[in-house]
N, C-alpha and C. Protein backbone atom coordinates (compact mmCIF):
# COMPACT_ATOMS: atom_id res chain seq x y z
N MET A 1 -68.74 -31.58 14.63
CA MET A 1 -68.39 -30.24 14.20
C MET A 1 -67.12 -30.32 13.37
N PRO A 2 -67.04 -29.62 12.23
CA PRO A 2 -65.84 -29.68 11.41
C PRO A 2 -64.63 -29.11 12.16
N GLU A 3 -63.46 -29.55 11.74
CA GLU A 3 -62.21 -29.08 12.34
C GLU A 3 -62.15 -27.56 12.27
N PRO A 4 -61.88 -26.87 13.40
CA PRO A 4 -61.81 -25.41 13.33
C PRO A 4 -60.57 -24.95 12.57
N MET A 5 -60.72 -23.86 11.86
CA MET A 5 -59.59 -23.27 11.17
C MET A 5 -58.72 -22.59 12.22
N ARG A 6 -57.42 -22.84 12.19
CA ARG A 6 -56.51 -22.17 13.14
C ARG A 6 -56.05 -20.87 12.53
N HIS A 7 -56.08 -19.83 13.33
CA HIS A 7 -55.71 -18.52 12.83
C HIS A 7 -54.89 -17.80 13.89
N ARG A 8 -53.68 -17.41 13.53
CA ARG A 8 -52.83 -16.64 14.43
C ARG A 8 -52.98 -15.17 14.10
N VAL A 9 -53.42 -14.41 15.08
CA VAL A 9 -53.72 -12.99 14.87
C VAL A 9 -52.47 -12.16 15.11
N ALA A 10 -52.06 -11.43 14.08
CA ALA A 10 -50.91 -10.54 14.21
C ALA A 10 -51.30 -9.09 13.90
N ASP A 11 -52.41 -8.90 13.21
CA ASP A 11 -52.86 -7.57 12.82
C ASP A 11 -53.30 -6.78 14.05
N PRO A 12 -52.72 -5.59 14.28
CA PRO A 12 -53.06 -4.81 15.47
C PRO A 12 -54.55 -4.50 15.62
N GLU A 13 -55.24 -4.19 14.52
CA GLU A 13 -56.67 -3.87 14.61
C GLU A 13 -57.48 -5.08 15.06
N THR A 14 -57.13 -6.25 14.54
CA THR A 14 -57.84 -7.47 14.93
C THR A 14 -57.54 -7.81 16.39
N LEU A 15 -56.30 -7.61 16.82
CA LEU A 15 -55.95 -7.81 18.22
C LEU A 15 -56.71 -6.83 19.11
N LYS A 16 -56.75 -5.57 18.67
CA LYS A 16 -57.41 -4.53 19.46
C LYS A 16 -58.89 -4.84 19.69
N ALA A 17 -59.51 -5.52 18.73
CA ALA A 17 -60.93 -5.87 18.87
C ALA A 17 -61.17 -6.73 20.11
N LEU A 18 -60.15 -7.46 20.55
CA LEU A 18 -60.29 -8.34 21.72
C LEU A 18 -59.95 -7.65 23.04
N THR A 19 -59.46 -6.43 22.99
CA THR A 19 -59.06 -5.78 24.24
C THR A 19 -60.23 -5.09 24.94
N HIS A 20 -61.31 -4.86 24.24
CA HIS A 20 -62.45 -4.16 24.84
C HIS A 20 -63.17 -5.09 25.81
N PRO A 21 -63.34 -4.68 27.08
CA PRO A 21 -63.96 -5.55 28.09
C PRO A 21 -65.37 -6.02 27.72
N LEU A 22 -66.17 -5.14 27.11
CA LEU A 22 -67.54 -5.55 26.76
C LEU A 22 -67.51 -6.61 25.66
N ARG A 23 -66.61 -6.50 24.72
CA ARG A 23 -66.51 -7.52 23.67
C ARG A 23 -66.10 -8.86 24.25
N ARG A 24 -65.23 -8.84 25.24
CA ARG A 24 -64.82 -10.10 25.89
C ARG A 24 -66.04 -10.72 26.58
N ARG A 25 -66.86 -9.90 27.22
CA ARG A 25 -68.08 -10.42 27.88
C ARG A 25 -69.07 -10.96 26.85
N ILE A 26 -69.19 -10.27 25.72
CA ILE A 26 -70.08 -10.75 24.64
C ILE A 26 -69.63 -12.13 24.17
N LEU A 27 -68.34 -12.29 23.93
CA LEU A 27 -67.83 -13.58 23.46
C LEU A 27 -68.09 -14.68 24.48
N ARG A 28 -67.96 -14.37 25.75
CA ARG A 28 -68.23 -15.37 26.79
C ARG A 28 -69.70 -15.78 26.79
N GLU A 29 -70.60 -14.83 26.58
CA GLU A 29 -72.03 -15.15 26.52
C GLU A 29 -72.33 -16.03 25.31
N ILE A 30 -71.71 -15.70 24.18
CA ILE A 30 -71.92 -16.53 22.98
C ILE A 30 -71.36 -17.92 23.20
N ASP A 31 -70.19 -18.02 23.82
CA ASP A 31 -69.62 -19.34 24.12
C ASP A 31 -70.57 -20.15 24.99
N ARG A 32 -71.20 -19.50 25.94
CA ARG A 32 -72.09 -20.20 26.86
C ARG A 32 -73.38 -20.65 26.19
N ASP A 33 -74.00 -19.76 25.42
CA ASP A 33 -75.33 -20.04 24.88
C ASP A 33 -75.35 -20.49 23.43
N GLY A 34 -74.26 -20.33 22.72
CA GLY A 34 -74.21 -20.74 21.32
C GLY A 34 -74.64 -19.65 20.36
N THR A 35 -75.81 -19.07 20.58
CA THR A 35 -76.30 -17.97 19.74
C THR A 35 -76.92 -16.91 20.64
N VAL A 36 -76.83 -15.66 20.19
CA VAL A 36 -77.38 -14.55 20.96
C VAL A 36 -77.91 -13.48 20.01
N THR A 37 -78.72 -12.59 20.54
CA THR A 37 -79.13 -11.38 19.84
C THR A 37 -78.69 -10.20 20.70
N SER A 38 -78.72 -9.01 20.13
CA SER A 38 -78.36 -7.83 20.93
C SER A 38 -79.36 -7.65 22.07
N THR A 39 -80.61 -8.06 21.86
CA THR A 39 -81.63 -7.93 22.91
C THR A 39 -81.34 -8.86 24.08
N THR A 40 -81.00 -10.13 23.79
CA THR A 40 -80.70 -11.05 24.90
C THR A 40 -79.44 -10.62 25.63
N LEU A 41 -78.47 -10.11 24.88
CA LEU A 41 -77.25 -9.62 25.53
C LEU A 41 -77.53 -8.39 26.39
N ALA A 42 -78.39 -7.49 25.89
CA ALA A 42 -78.71 -6.27 26.65
C ALA A 42 -79.30 -6.62 28.01
N GLU A 43 -80.17 -7.62 28.03
CA GLU A 43 -80.78 -8.03 29.30
C GLU A 43 -79.73 -8.58 30.26
N ARG A 44 -78.80 -9.37 29.75
CA ARG A 44 -77.80 -10.01 30.60
C ARG A 44 -76.69 -9.07 31.03
N LEU A 45 -76.27 -8.22 30.13
CA LEU A 45 -75.08 -7.41 30.39
C LEU A 45 -75.40 -5.99 30.86
N GLY A 46 -76.68 -5.64 30.90
CA GLY A 46 -77.06 -4.31 31.39
C GLY A 46 -76.62 -3.19 30.47
N GLN A 47 -76.62 -3.44 29.17
CA GLN A 47 -76.24 -2.44 28.18
C GLN A 47 -77.42 -2.20 27.25
N ASN A 48 -77.39 -1.08 26.51
CA ASN A 48 -78.48 -0.88 25.55
C ASN A 48 -78.18 -1.63 24.25
N THR A 49 -79.23 -1.93 23.51
CA THR A 49 -79.07 -2.76 22.30
C THR A 49 -78.24 -2.06 21.24
N GLY A 50 -78.28 -0.74 21.17
CA GLY A 50 -77.48 -0.02 20.19
C GLY A 50 -75.99 -0.22 20.42
N THR A 51 -75.57 -0.10 21.68
CA THR A 51 -74.16 -0.32 22.03
C THR A 51 -73.75 -1.74 21.69
N LEU A 52 -74.60 -2.70 22.06
CA LEU A 52 -74.27 -4.10 21.80
C LEU A 52 -74.24 -4.40 20.31
N SER A 53 -75.16 -3.83 19.54
CA SER A 53 -75.16 -4.04 18.09
C SER A 53 -73.85 -3.55 17.48
N TYR A 54 -73.37 -2.40 17.94
CA TYR A 54 -72.09 -1.87 17.44
C TYR A 54 -70.96 -2.86 17.72
N HIS A 55 -70.86 -3.34 18.96
CA HIS A 55 -69.77 -4.24 19.31
C HIS A 55 -69.91 -5.60 18.62
N LEU A 56 -71.13 -6.06 18.41
CA LEU A 56 -71.33 -7.31 17.65
C LEU A 56 -70.84 -7.13 16.22
N ARG A 57 -71.14 -6.00 15.60
CA ARG A 57 -70.67 -5.75 14.23
C ARG A 57 -69.14 -5.68 14.17
N GLN A 58 -68.52 -5.10 15.21
CA GLN A 58 -67.06 -5.05 15.24
C GLN A 58 -66.46 -6.45 15.35
N LEU A 59 -67.05 -7.27 16.21
CA LEU A 59 -66.57 -8.65 16.34
C LEU A 59 -66.77 -9.42 15.03
N GLU A 60 -67.85 -9.14 14.32
CA GLU A 60 -68.08 -9.77 13.01
C GLU A 60 -67.04 -9.27 12.01
N ARG A 61 -66.79 -7.98 12.02
CA ARG A 61 -65.84 -7.38 11.07
C ARG A 61 -64.47 -8.06 11.14
N TYR A 62 -64.05 -8.42 12.35
CA TYR A 62 -62.73 -9.03 12.52
C TYR A 62 -62.77 -10.55 12.53
N GLY A 63 -63.95 -11.12 12.25
CA GLY A 63 -64.04 -12.57 12.04
C GLY A 63 -64.24 -13.42 13.27
N TYR A 64 -64.54 -12.82 14.41
CA TYR A 64 -64.72 -13.59 15.64
C TYR A 64 -66.12 -14.22 15.74
N ILE A 65 -67.11 -13.55 15.15
CA ILE A 65 -68.48 -14.07 15.18
C ILE A 65 -69.07 -13.93 13.79
N GLU A 66 -70.23 -14.60 13.59
CA GLU A 66 -70.92 -14.49 12.31
C GLU A 66 -72.42 -14.36 12.54
N ASP A 67 -73.04 -13.69 11.58
CA ASP A 67 -74.49 -13.50 11.58
C ASP A 67 -75.15 -14.78 11.08
N LEU A 68 -76.32 -15.10 11.64
CA LEU A 68 -77.10 -16.26 11.18
C LEU A 68 -78.35 -15.74 10.48
N PRO A 69 -78.27 -15.47 9.17
CA PRO A 69 -79.40 -14.85 8.48
C PRO A 69 -80.67 -15.70 8.49
N ASP A 70 -80.54 -17.02 8.59
CA ASP A 70 -81.71 -17.91 8.61
C ASP A 70 -82.57 -17.70 9.85
N ARG A 71 -81.96 -17.21 10.93
CA ARG A 71 -82.71 -17.06 12.19
C ARG A 71 -83.26 -15.65 12.38
N GLY A 72 -82.75 -14.70 11.65
CA GLY A 72 -83.18 -13.32 11.83
C GLY A 72 -84.57 -13.07 11.28
N ASN A 73 -85.18 -11.99 11.76
CA ASN A 73 -86.52 -11.64 11.26
C ASN A 73 -86.52 -10.26 10.62
N GLY A 74 -85.37 -9.79 10.21
CA GLY A 74 -85.27 -8.47 9.60
C GLY A 74 -84.81 -7.42 10.59
N ARG A 75 -85.40 -7.43 11.79
CA ARG A 75 -85.01 -6.45 12.80
C ARG A 75 -83.99 -7.02 13.77
N GLU A 76 -84.11 -8.28 14.09
CA GLU A 76 -83.25 -8.90 15.10
C GLU A 76 -82.28 -9.86 14.43
N ARG A 77 -80.99 -9.66 14.68
CA ARG A 77 -79.97 -10.54 14.11
C ARG A 77 -79.47 -11.50 15.18
N TRP A 78 -79.26 -12.75 14.78
CA TRP A 78 -78.70 -13.76 15.66
C TRP A 78 -77.23 -13.93 15.31
N TRP A 79 -76.40 -14.17 16.34
CA TRP A 79 -74.95 -14.26 16.17
C TRP A 79 -74.43 -15.53 16.82
N ARG A 80 -73.35 -16.06 16.25
CA ARG A 80 -72.63 -17.18 16.87
C ARG A 80 -71.14 -17.02 16.56
N ARG A 81 -70.33 -17.80 17.26
CA ARG A 81 -68.88 -17.79 17.02
C ARG A 81 -68.59 -18.41 15.66
N THR A 82 -67.53 -17.94 15.03
CA THR A 82 -67.06 -18.61 13.82
C THR A 82 -66.32 -19.87 14.24
N ASN A 83 -66.19 -20.80 13.35
CA ASN A 83 -65.50 -22.05 13.65
C ASN A 83 -64.00 -21.85 13.42
N THR A 84 -63.43 -20.99 14.24
CA THR A 84 -62.02 -20.64 14.11
C THR A 84 -61.36 -20.72 15.47
N ASN A 85 -60.20 -21.34 15.52
CA ASN A 85 -59.39 -21.39 16.74
C ASN A 85 -58.46 -20.18 16.68
N TRP A 86 -58.86 -19.11 17.36
CA TRP A 86 -58.09 -17.86 17.35
C TRP A 86 -56.95 -17.94 18.35
N GLN A 87 -55.76 -17.63 17.89
CA GLN A 87 -54.59 -17.57 18.77
C GLN A 87 -53.81 -16.31 18.43
N THR A 88 -53.28 -15.68 19.46
CA THR A 88 -52.45 -14.51 19.19
C THR A 88 -51.13 -14.99 18.60
N ALA A 89 -50.58 -14.17 17.73
CA ALA A 89 -49.31 -14.50 17.11
C ALA A 89 -48.21 -14.54 18.16
N ASP A 90 -47.14 -15.25 17.86
CA ASP A 90 -46.00 -15.28 18.76
C ASP A 90 -45.45 -13.87 18.92
N PRO A 91 -45.17 -13.46 20.16
CA PRO A 91 -44.70 -12.09 20.39
C PRO A 91 -43.47 -11.70 19.56
N ASP A 92 -42.58 -12.66 19.27
CA ASP A 92 -41.38 -12.30 18.51
C ASP A 92 -41.68 -11.98 17.05
N THR A 93 -42.91 -12.21 16.60
CA THR A 93 -43.29 -11.88 15.22
C THR A 93 -44.01 -10.52 15.16
N LEU A 94 -44.19 -9.88 16.31
CA LEU A 94 -44.95 -8.64 16.38
C LEU A 94 -44.05 -7.45 16.67
N ASP A 95 -44.51 -6.27 16.30
CA ASP A 95 -43.79 -5.06 16.68
C ASP A 95 -44.12 -4.74 18.14
N GLU A 96 -43.55 -3.66 18.64
CA GLU A 96 -43.73 -3.31 20.06
C GLU A 96 -45.20 -3.09 20.42
N ALA A 97 -45.94 -2.40 19.55
CA ALA A 97 -47.37 -2.15 19.81
C ALA A 97 -48.15 -3.47 19.82
N GLY A 98 -47.83 -4.37 18.90
CA GLY A 98 -48.49 -5.67 18.86
C GLY A 98 -48.21 -6.49 20.11
N ARG A 99 -46.96 -6.45 20.57
CA ARG A 99 -46.60 -7.18 21.81
C ARG A 99 -47.36 -6.61 23.01
N ALA A 100 -47.51 -5.29 23.04
CA ALA A 100 -48.26 -4.66 24.15
C ALA A 100 -49.72 -5.10 24.12
N LEU A 101 -50.31 -5.22 22.93
CA LEU A 101 -51.70 -5.69 22.83
C LEU A 101 -51.82 -7.14 23.27
N VAL A 102 -50.87 -7.98 22.86
CA VAL A 102 -50.90 -9.40 23.27
C VAL A 102 -50.78 -9.50 24.79
N GLU A 103 -49.91 -8.69 25.38
CA GLU A 103 -49.78 -8.71 26.84
C GLU A 103 -51.09 -8.27 27.50
N GLN A 104 -51.72 -7.22 26.97
CA GLN A 104 -52.98 -6.74 27.53
C GLN A 104 -54.06 -7.82 27.44
N ILE A 105 -54.18 -8.47 26.28
CA ILE A 105 -55.17 -9.53 26.10
C ILE A 105 -54.89 -10.69 27.05
N THR A 106 -53.63 -11.09 27.16
CA THR A 106 -53.26 -12.22 28.02
C THR A 106 -53.58 -11.91 29.47
N ARG A 107 -53.22 -10.73 29.93
CA ARG A 107 -53.51 -10.37 31.33
C ARG A 107 -55.02 -10.33 31.59
N ARG A 108 -55.79 -9.83 30.63
CA ARG A 108 -57.24 -9.81 30.79
C ARG A 108 -57.81 -11.22 30.86
N ARG A 109 -57.34 -12.09 29.99
CA ARG A 109 -57.81 -13.48 29.99
C ARG A 109 -57.48 -14.16 31.32
N LEU A 110 -56.28 -13.95 31.81
CA LEU A 110 -55.89 -14.57 33.08
C LEU A 110 -56.73 -14.04 34.23
N ALA A 111 -57.03 -12.74 34.22
CA ALA A 111 -57.89 -12.16 35.27
C ALA A 111 -59.30 -12.76 35.18
N GLU A 112 -59.81 -12.93 33.96
CA GLU A 112 -61.13 -13.56 33.79
C GLU A 112 -61.11 -14.99 34.32
N ASP A 113 -60.04 -15.72 34.01
CA ASP A 113 -59.94 -17.11 34.46
C ASP A 113 -59.85 -17.18 35.98
N ALA A 114 -59.08 -16.27 36.60
CA ALA A 114 -58.98 -16.26 38.06
C ALA A 114 -60.35 -16.00 38.67
N HIS A 115 -61.11 -15.08 38.09
CA HIS A 115 -62.47 -14.79 38.56
C HIS A 115 -63.35 -16.03 38.41
N ASP A 116 -63.26 -16.69 37.24
CA ASP A 116 -64.05 -17.91 37.00
C ASP A 116 -63.74 -18.99 38.03
N ILE A 117 -62.48 -19.15 38.35
CA ILE A 117 -62.10 -20.19 39.31
C ILE A 117 -62.66 -19.86 40.69
N GLY A 118 -62.60 -18.59 41.09
CA GLY A 118 -63.21 -18.20 42.37
C GLY A 118 -64.70 -18.46 42.38
N THR A 119 -65.38 -18.13 41.29
CA THR A 119 -66.82 -18.39 41.18
C THR A 119 -67.10 -19.88 41.22
N MET A 120 -66.25 -20.66 40.54
CA MET A 120 -66.42 -22.11 40.52
C MET A 120 -66.34 -22.68 41.93
N VAL A 121 -65.38 -22.23 42.71
CA VAL A 121 -65.24 -22.72 44.09
C VAL A 121 -66.49 -22.35 44.89
N ASP A 122 -66.95 -21.11 44.77
CA ASP A 122 -68.15 -20.68 45.50
C ASP A 122 -69.37 -21.52 45.13
N THR A 123 -69.61 -21.68 43.83
CA THR A 123 -70.82 -22.41 43.41
C THR A 123 -70.67 -23.91 43.62
N LEU A 124 -69.45 -24.42 43.48
CA LEU A 124 -69.25 -25.86 43.68
C LEU A 124 -69.58 -26.24 45.12
N LEU A 125 -69.13 -25.44 46.06
CA LEU A 125 -69.42 -25.74 47.46
C LEU A 125 -70.91 -25.62 47.76
N ALA A 126 -71.57 -24.67 47.11
CA ALA A 126 -73.00 -24.48 47.35
C ALA A 126 -73.86 -25.53 46.63
N HIS A 127 -73.34 -26.08 45.54
CA HIS A 127 -74.13 -27.03 44.72
C HIS A 127 -73.32 -28.29 44.43
N TRP A 128 -72.67 -28.83 45.44
CA TRP A 128 -71.77 -29.96 45.26
C TRP A 128 -72.44 -31.15 44.57
N GLU A 129 -73.59 -31.56 45.04
CA GLU A 129 -74.24 -32.74 44.46
C GLU A 129 -74.56 -32.55 42.99
N ARG A 130 -74.99 -31.36 42.62
CA ARG A 130 -75.34 -31.09 41.23
C ARG A 130 -74.10 -31.01 40.34
N ASP A 131 -73.04 -30.36 40.81
CA ASP A 131 -71.91 -30.03 39.95
C ASP A 131 -70.74 -31.00 40.01
N LYS A 132 -70.65 -31.85 41.03
CA LYS A 132 -69.45 -32.69 41.14
C LYS A 132 -69.24 -33.63 39.96
N PRO A 133 -70.30 -34.14 39.27
CA PRO A 133 -70.03 -35.02 38.13
C PRO A 133 -69.34 -34.31 36.96
N MET A 134 -69.37 -32.98 36.95
CA MET A 134 -68.80 -32.25 35.81
C MET A 134 -67.73 -31.26 36.25
N THR A 135 -67.07 -31.53 37.37
CA THR A 135 -66.03 -30.64 37.86
C THR A 135 -64.79 -31.45 38.18
N THR A 136 -63.66 -30.96 37.74
CA THR A 136 -62.40 -31.60 38.08
C THR A 136 -61.29 -30.57 37.99
N TRP A 137 -60.20 -30.85 38.62
CA TRP A 137 -58.99 -30.05 38.46
C TRP A 137 -57.81 -30.94 38.72
N SER A 138 -56.71 -30.54 38.17
CA SER A 138 -55.51 -31.36 38.27
C SER A 138 -54.30 -30.46 38.13
N ARG A 139 -53.25 -30.84 38.82
CA ARG A 139 -51.96 -30.14 38.68
C ARG A 139 -50.90 -31.20 38.48
N ALA A 140 -49.97 -30.91 37.64
CA ALA A 140 -48.90 -31.87 37.38
C ALA A 140 -47.65 -31.13 36.95
N GLY A 141 -46.56 -31.81 37.01
CA GLY A 141 -45.30 -31.28 36.52
C GLY A 141 -44.52 -32.41 35.88
N THR A 142 -43.73 -32.10 34.90
CA THR A 142 -42.92 -33.11 34.23
C THR A 142 -41.75 -32.41 33.57
N HIS A 143 -40.94 -33.16 32.86
CA HIS A 143 -39.82 -32.61 32.10
C HIS A 143 -40.06 -32.93 30.63
N LEU A 144 -40.08 -31.91 29.80
CA LEU A 144 -40.35 -32.10 28.38
C LEU A 144 -39.35 -31.32 27.54
N SER A 145 -39.04 -31.86 26.39
CA SER A 145 -38.28 -31.10 25.40
C SER A 145 -39.27 -30.21 24.66
N PRO A 146 -38.80 -29.20 23.93
CA PRO A 146 -39.74 -28.38 23.14
C PRO A 146 -40.59 -29.22 22.18
N ALA A 147 -40.00 -30.23 21.55
CA ALA A 147 -40.76 -31.08 20.63
C ALA A 147 -41.84 -31.87 21.38
N GLN A 148 -41.50 -32.39 22.54
CA GLN A 148 -42.49 -33.12 23.34
C GLN A 148 -43.61 -32.19 23.80
N PHE A 149 -43.23 -30.98 24.17
CA PHE A 149 -44.23 -30.01 24.61
C PHE A 149 -45.23 -29.73 23.49
N ARG A 150 -44.74 -29.50 22.26
CA ARG A 150 -45.62 -29.24 21.12
C ARG A 150 -46.52 -30.44 20.83
N ALA A 151 -45.97 -31.65 20.96
CA ALA A 151 -46.78 -32.86 20.75
C ALA A 151 -47.87 -32.95 21.81
N PHE A 152 -47.53 -32.65 23.05
CA PHE A 152 -48.51 -32.66 24.14
C PHE A 152 -49.63 -31.65 23.85
N GLU A 153 -49.25 -30.46 23.44
CA GLU A 153 -50.24 -29.42 23.12
C GLU A 153 -51.15 -29.87 21.98
N ALA A 154 -50.56 -30.45 20.94
CA ALA A 154 -51.37 -30.91 19.80
C ALA A 154 -52.37 -31.99 20.23
N GLU A 155 -51.94 -32.91 21.08
CA GLU A 155 -52.85 -33.96 21.56
C GLU A 155 -53.96 -33.37 22.43
N TYR A 156 -53.61 -32.40 23.25
CA TYR A 156 -54.62 -31.73 24.08
C TYR A 156 -55.67 -31.06 23.19
N LEU A 157 -55.22 -30.29 22.19
CA LEU A 157 -56.15 -29.60 21.31
C LEU A 157 -57.01 -30.59 20.52
N GLU A 158 -56.42 -31.70 20.14
CA GLU A 158 -57.16 -32.76 19.44
C GLU A 158 -58.28 -33.31 20.34
N LEU A 159 -57.96 -33.52 21.60
CA LEU A 159 -58.94 -34.03 22.56
C LEU A 159 -60.08 -33.02 22.76
N VAL A 160 -59.73 -31.75 22.91
CA VAL A 160 -60.76 -30.72 23.07
C VAL A 160 -61.65 -30.68 21.84
N HIS A 161 -61.05 -30.74 20.65
CA HIS A 161 -61.84 -30.70 19.42
C HIS A 161 -62.76 -31.92 19.31
N ARG A 162 -62.28 -33.08 19.74
CA ARG A 162 -63.09 -34.29 19.65
C ARG A 162 -64.40 -34.14 20.42
N TYR A 163 -64.36 -33.42 21.53
CA TYR A 163 -65.56 -33.25 22.35
C TYR A 163 -66.27 -31.92 22.12
N ALA A 164 -65.72 -31.07 21.27
CA ALA A 164 -66.33 -29.76 21.02
C ALA A 164 -67.62 -29.91 20.22
N GLN A 165 -68.64 -29.20 20.65
CA GLN A 165 -69.90 -29.19 19.91
C GLN A 165 -70.64 -27.90 20.21
N ARG A 166 -71.37 -27.46 19.23
CA ARG A 166 -72.19 -26.27 19.42
C ARG A 166 -73.37 -26.63 20.31
N VAL A 167 -73.97 -25.64 20.93
CA VAL A 167 -75.09 -25.86 21.83
C VAL A 167 -76.19 -26.66 21.14
N ASP A 168 -76.50 -26.32 19.88
CA ASP A 168 -77.59 -27.00 19.19
C ASP A 168 -77.25 -28.44 18.80
N GLU A 169 -75.98 -28.84 18.94
CA GLU A 169 -75.57 -30.22 18.64
C GLU A 169 -75.41 -31.06 19.90
N ALA A 170 -75.43 -30.43 21.05
CA ALA A 170 -75.13 -31.11 22.32
C ALA A 170 -76.28 -32.04 22.73
N PRO A 171 -75.94 -33.19 23.34
CA PRO A 171 -77.00 -34.11 23.78
C PRO A 171 -77.77 -33.55 24.98
N PRO A 172 -78.96 -34.10 25.24
CA PRO A 172 -79.74 -33.66 26.40
C PRO A 172 -78.92 -33.80 27.69
N GLY A 173 -79.11 -32.87 28.61
CA GLY A 173 -78.38 -32.90 29.88
C GLY A 173 -77.03 -32.23 29.82
N SER A 174 -76.65 -31.72 28.64
CA SER A 174 -75.35 -31.04 28.50
C SER A 174 -75.39 -29.68 29.18
N ARG A 175 -74.23 -29.25 29.64
CA ARG A 175 -74.08 -27.92 30.22
C ARG A 175 -72.84 -27.28 29.63
N SER A 176 -72.81 -25.98 29.65
CA SER A 176 -71.63 -25.25 29.21
C SER A 176 -70.50 -25.56 30.19
N VAL A 177 -69.35 -25.95 29.67
CA VAL A 177 -68.20 -26.31 30.50
C VAL A 177 -67.01 -25.46 30.08
N ARG A 178 -66.37 -24.84 31.04
CA ARG A 178 -65.14 -24.06 30.76
C ARG A 178 -63.94 -24.97 30.96
N ILE A 179 -63.07 -24.99 29.98
CA ILE A 179 -61.86 -25.80 30.05
C ILE A 179 -60.68 -24.84 29.93
N ARG A 180 -59.77 -24.92 30.85
CA ARG A 180 -58.58 -24.07 30.82
C ARG A 180 -57.34 -24.94 30.96
N TRP A 181 -56.32 -24.64 30.19
CA TRP A 181 -55.08 -25.39 30.27
C TRP A 181 -53.94 -24.38 30.19
N TYR A 182 -53.08 -24.43 31.17
CA TYR A 182 -51.88 -23.59 31.18
C TYR A 182 -50.68 -24.50 31.29
N ALA A 183 -49.70 -24.27 30.49
CA ALA A 183 -48.44 -25.01 30.61
C ALA A 183 -47.32 -24.04 30.29
N TYR A 184 -46.31 -24.05 31.11
CA TYR A 184 -45.20 -23.12 30.93
C TYR A 184 -43.98 -23.69 31.64
N PRO A 185 -42.78 -23.33 31.19
CA PRO A 185 -41.58 -23.84 31.85
C PRO A 185 -41.33 -23.11 33.17
N GLU A 186 -40.77 -23.85 34.10
CA GLU A 186 -40.32 -23.23 35.35
C GLU A 186 -39.26 -22.19 34.99
N PRO A 187 -39.11 -21.15 35.81
CA PRO A 187 -38.04 -20.19 35.53
C PRO A 187 -36.70 -20.92 35.43
N ALA A 188 -35.94 -20.59 34.42
CA ALA A 188 -34.66 -21.28 34.17
C ALA A 188 -33.63 -20.89 35.23
N ASP A 189 -32.78 -21.84 35.56
CA ASP A 189 -31.64 -21.55 36.42
C ASP A 189 -30.39 -22.08 35.71
N GLU A 190 -29.23 -21.91 36.34
CA GLU A 190 -27.98 -22.31 35.69
C GLU A 190 -27.96 -23.79 35.36
N GLU A 191 -28.55 -24.63 36.22
CA GLU A 191 -28.56 -26.06 35.98
C GLU A 191 -29.32 -26.39 34.69
N ASP A 192 -30.44 -25.66 34.44
CA ASP A 192 -31.20 -25.88 33.21
C ASP A 192 -30.37 -25.52 31.99
N ASP A 193 -29.59 -24.44 32.09
CA ASP A 193 -28.78 -24.02 30.96
C ASP A 193 -27.71 -25.04 30.61
N GLU A 194 -27.28 -25.84 31.60
CA GLU A 194 -26.21 -26.80 31.35
C GLU A 194 -26.71 -28.09 30.71
N ARG A 195 -28.01 -28.35 30.71
CA ARG A 195 -28.56 -29.59 30.14
C ARG A 195 -28.50 -29.60 28.64
């Protein structure tokens, strides 16, 4: 897969497109399956196709997904993610409304991840033999300078990209895998300020 274009979102309308809970669920379904139609989404998400078509067009409008005209039949449109690494802009580059949107998106993502981890524990215990070859977790701590931290992040993203592939490119036996990485400094104390 070609290198994804990195894009930092600062525009409030583009940020707002990610705050809608149904759009977040749509993106997760596309991430899992690679391509979807409003009909397949309607069955999974319990929504009508008209509502889903509207939200799919909004996600397309802001560049998060794209239409696949080769797969459509005139009535049914197929959608997939764009090859873009979307990141919210740094909060210090945004106005107050933009910062509030970034906070809302971040809190929603963290809540989704917490739910995913709970589901993972439930299903892992129920299907240990099936899932253990593709499940891992790790916790670590270290001391890094800001430059080292950025280098670490760049290497992590490089590794993720090396293994990234669309569903239609994946080898037989592949499954959708969620990868989450959080890194943040411990709360600062006086000793940290003196270093």
